Amino acid sequence: MPTPIGEHHGEMPQPTVLPLRGEVVADARGNGRALRVSWHPEHGLAVLSVWRGTLCVATVQVEVSEVPHLVDVLVRGLATGSAPPEERPAAV
């Protein structure tokens, strides 16, 4: 007998909860990969989590006092030629 629409038998996957205070950055490789950044000021932390679809596969807890250093590392990387190839100046 067919299952009525909307009825589900078996275990349902847990919903993916997006950070309330944070952002999601898609991975360039696609396939549901992403980096999530969530803020937890009550603990003095920013949490970076790596996701594959609905599965969290890794986290890094960064103390808020270390966030400026992380931002500086990213900005310096951009400033030293980490732009996409079409934006890099031609070699002379």
C-alpha atoms as a PDB file:
ATOM      1  CA  MET A   1       0.000   0.000   0.000  1.00  0.00           C
ATOM      2  CA  PRO A   2       1.466   3.428  -0.897  1.00  0.00           C
ATOM      3  CA  THR A   3       2.512   5.825   1.842  1.00  0.00           C
ATOM      4  CA  PRO A   4       0.322   8.963   2.009  1.00  0.00           C
ATOM      5  CA  ILE A   5       2.041  12.210   1.072  1.00  0.00           C
ATOM      6  CA  GLY A   6       3.577  13.870   4.114  1.00  0.00           C
ATOM      7  CA  GLU A   7       3.779  10.631   6.102  1.00  0.00           C
ATOM      8  CA  HIS A   8       7.267   9.390   6.876  1.00  0.00           C
ATOM      9  CA  HIS A   9       8.401   6.061   8.246  1.00  0.00           C
ATOM     10  CA  GLY A  10      11.835   5.752   9.765  1.00  0.00           C
ATOM     11  CA  GLU A  11      14.268   8.121  11.389  1.00  0.00           C
ATOM     12  CA  MET A  12      14.162  11.762  10.345  1.00  0.00           C
ATOM     13  CA  PRO A  13      17.457  13.635  10.010  1.00  0.00           C
ATOM     14  CA  GLN A  14      18.074  16.470  12.461  1.00  0.00           C
ATOM     15  CA  PRO A  15      17.414  19.889  10.922  1.00  0.00           C
ATOM     16  CA  THR A  16      20.420  22.014  10.124  1.00  0.00           C
ATOM     17  CA  VAL A  17      20.427  24.975  12.471  1.00  0.00           C
ATOM     18  CA  LEU A  18      22.061  28.129  11.167  1.00  0.00           C
ATOM     19  CA  PRO A  19      23.943  30.317  13.627  1.00  0.00           C
ATOM     20  CA  LEU A  20      21.822  32.999  15.293  1.00  0.00           C
ATOM     21  CA  ARG A  21      24.831  35.317  15.502  1.00  0.00           C
ATOM     22  CA  GLY A  22      27.110  34.498  12.629  1.00  0.00           C
ATOM     23  CA  GLU A  23      27.468  33.686   8.977  1.00  0.00           C
ATOM     24  CA  VAL A  24      27.799  30.774   6.600  1.00  0.00           C
ATOM     25  CA  VAL A  25      30.522  30.802   3.926  1.00  0.00           C
ATOM     26  CA  ALA A  26      30.175  28.294   1.076  1.00  0.00           C
ATOM     27  CA  ASP A  27      33.177  26.110   0.275  1.00  0.00           C
ATOM     28  CA  ALA A  28      34.531  26.650  -3.260  1.00  0.00           C
ATOM     29  CA  ARG A  29      34.348  22.873  -3.800  1.00  0.00           C
ATOM     30  CA  GLY A  30      30.563  22.843  -3.369  1.00  0.00           C
ATOM     31  CA  ASN A  31      28.804  19.591  -2.462  1.00  0.00           C
ATOM     32  CA  GLY A  32      27.180  21.131   0.622  1.00  0.00           C
ATOM     33  CA  ARG A  33      30.496  22.031   2.234  1.00  0.00           C
ATOM     34  CA  ALA A  34      30.580  25.224   4.253  1.00  0.00           C
ATOM     35  CA  LEU A  35      32.315  27.123   7.022  1.00  0.00           C
ATOM     36  CA  ARG A  36      30.028  28.480   9.685  1.00  0.00           C
ATOM     37  CA  VAL A  37      31.013  31.248  12.024  1.00  0.00           C
ATOM     38  CA  SER A  38      28.965  31.624  15.171  1.00  0.00           C
ATOM     39  CA  TRP A  39      29.466  34.075  18.002  1.00  0.00           C
ATOM     40  CA  HIS A  40      29.099  33.048  21.616  1.00  0.00           C
ATOM     41  CA  PRO A  41      29.757  36.242  23.607  1.00  0.00           C
ATOM     42  CA  GLU A  42      28.493  34.592  26.784  1.00  0.00           C
ATOM     43  CA  HIS A  43      31.591  32.342  26.563  1.00  0.00           C
ATOM     44  CA  GLY A  44      33.954  34.860  24.934  1.00  0.00           C
ATOM     45  CA  LEU A  45      34.224  32.694  21.812  1.00  0.00           C
ATOM     46  CA  ALA A  46      33.779  32.656  18.083  1.00  0.00           C
ATOM     47  CA  VAL A  47      33.267  29.126  16.797  1.00  0.00           C
ATOM     48  CA  LEU A  48      34.352  28.148  13.290  1.00  0.00           C
ATOM     49  CA  SER A  49      32.705  24.917  12.197  1.00  0.00           C
ATOM     50  CA  VAL A  50      33.222  22.895   9.035  1.00  0.00           C
ATOM     51  CA  TRP A  51      30.106  21.312   7.568  1.00  0.00           C
ATOM     52  CA  ARG A  52      29.434  18.699   4.898  1.00  0.00           C
ATOM     53  CA  GLY A  53      25.734  18.989   4.204  1.00  0.00           C
ATOM     54  CA  THR A  54      23.990  18.625   7.539  1.00  0.00           C
ATOM     55  CA  LEU A  55      26.988  17.056   9.315  1.00  0.00           C
ATOM     56  CA  CYS A  56      29.433  19.116  11.366  1.00  0.00           C
ATOM     57  CA  VAL A  57      32.841  17.494  10.829  1.00  0.00           C
ATOM     58  CA  ALA A  58      35.122  19.868  12.764  1.00  0.00           C
ATOM     59  CA  THR A  59      35.115  22.925  15.013  1.00  0.00           C
ATOM     60  CA  VAL A  60      37.626  25.463  16.229  1.00  0.00           C
ATOM     61  CA  GLN A  61      36.835  27.657  19.211  1.00  0.00           C
ATOM     62  CA  VAL A  62      38.608  31.003  18.902  1.00  0.00           C
ATOM     63  CA  GLU A  63      38.792  33.304  21.908  1.00  0.00           C
ATOM     64  CA  VAL A  64      37.339  36.708  21.048  1.00  0.00           C
ATOM     65  CA  SER A  65      40.698  38.281  21.894  1.00  0.00           C
ATOM     66  CA  GLU A  66      42.288  36.202  19.082  1.00  0.00           C
ATOM     67  CA  VAL A  67      39.736  37.139  16.404  1.00  0.00           C
ATOM     68  CA  PRO A  68      41.607  40.335  15.364  1.00  0.00           C
ATOM     69  CA  HIS A  69      44.699  38.191  14.707  1.00  0.00           C
ATOM     70  CA  LEU A  70      42.656  35.794  12.547  1.00  0.00           C
ATOM     71  CA  VAL A  71      41.195  38.717  10.599  1.00  0.00           C
ATOM     72  CA  ASP A  72      44.696  40.177  10.171  1.00  0.00           C
ATOM     73  CA  VAL A  73      45.982  36.867   8.763  1.00  0.00           C
ATOM     74  CA  LEU A  74      43.156  36.818   6.210  1.00  0.00           C
ATOM     75  CA  VAL A  75      43.647  40.469   5.225  1.00  0.00           C
ATOM     76  CA  ARG A  76      47.415  40.034   4.850  1.00  0.00           C
ATOM     77  CA  GLY A  77      46.786  36.992   2.663  1.00  0.00           C
ATOM     78  CA  LEU A  78      44.597  39.067   0.370  1.00  0.00           C
ATOM     79  CA  ALA A  79      47.142  41.893   0.289  1.00  0.00           C
ATOM     80  CA  THR A  80      49.999  39.578  -0.733  1.00  0.00           C
ATOM     81  CA  GLY A  81      48.480  38.287  -3.943  1.00  0.00           C
ATOM     82  CA  SER A  82      45.854  35.793  -2.929  1.00  0.00           C
ATOM     83  CA  ALA A  83      43.368  37.320  -5.340  1.00  0.00           C
ATOM     84  CA  PRO A  84      41.822  35.035  -7.960  1.00  0.00           C
ATOM     85  CA  PRO A  85      44.109  34.533 -10.996  1.00  0.00           C
ATOM     86  CA  GLU A  86      42.058  36.826 -13.274  1.00  0.00           C
ATOM     87  CA  GLU A  87      42.601  39.684 -10.814  1.00  0.00           C
ATOM     88  CA  ARG A  88      46.341  39.253 -10.302  1.00  0.00           C
ATOM     89  CA  PRO A  89      48.649  41.684 -12.101  1.00  0.00           C
ATOM     90  CA  ALA A  90      50.619  40.190 -14.986  1.00  0.00           C
ATOM     91  CA  ALA A  91      54.215  39.212 -14.233  1.00  0.00           C
ATOM     92  CA  VAL A  92      56.825  41.517 -15.769  1.00  0.00           C
END
